[in-house]
Amino acid sequence: QVQLVESGGGLVQAGGSLRVSCKASGRTSSTNILAWFRQAPGKEREFVAATSWSGASKEYADSVKGRATIFRDSARNTVDLRLNSLQPEDTGVYYCAASTTLWVTDLPSRSPSGFHYWGQGTQVTVSS
């Protein structure tokens, strides 16, 4: 089992920045991909960004490309997401997820069903 615990988030003004962090523990040796998803009220959970365990491969959703950075700190065993130029549409619960599937060339899946472990989520609210 892999445990994921998110931190960060909160209330941020539009145009500002945020950083959310996720600490992984447990059988992290089985983890190959770490990702962030988000879910706005009344909407489905959507992919935001992902990184391979090594950090060599990364992918971003079109909605955040150019504004987001995902990075893994191997020493701290964390994966952070930094999001700039925040918009009210960025509001939602941000979830950390992990997958045991190998990332060979492209990210195997951007669907929540492609990830095996989830954190409890952290709320991000962007005020206009």
Foldseek 3Di string as FASTA:
>chain_A
DKAKAKDWADEAAAQAKTKMKIAIDDPCVLWFKKFKWWDDPPGDIFGAKMATPVRPDIDGDPVQVPFKDWDADPVRRMIMIMGGRDDQVPWGWMKMFTASDHQDPHDPDRDPVRTDDIYPTDGHGYHD
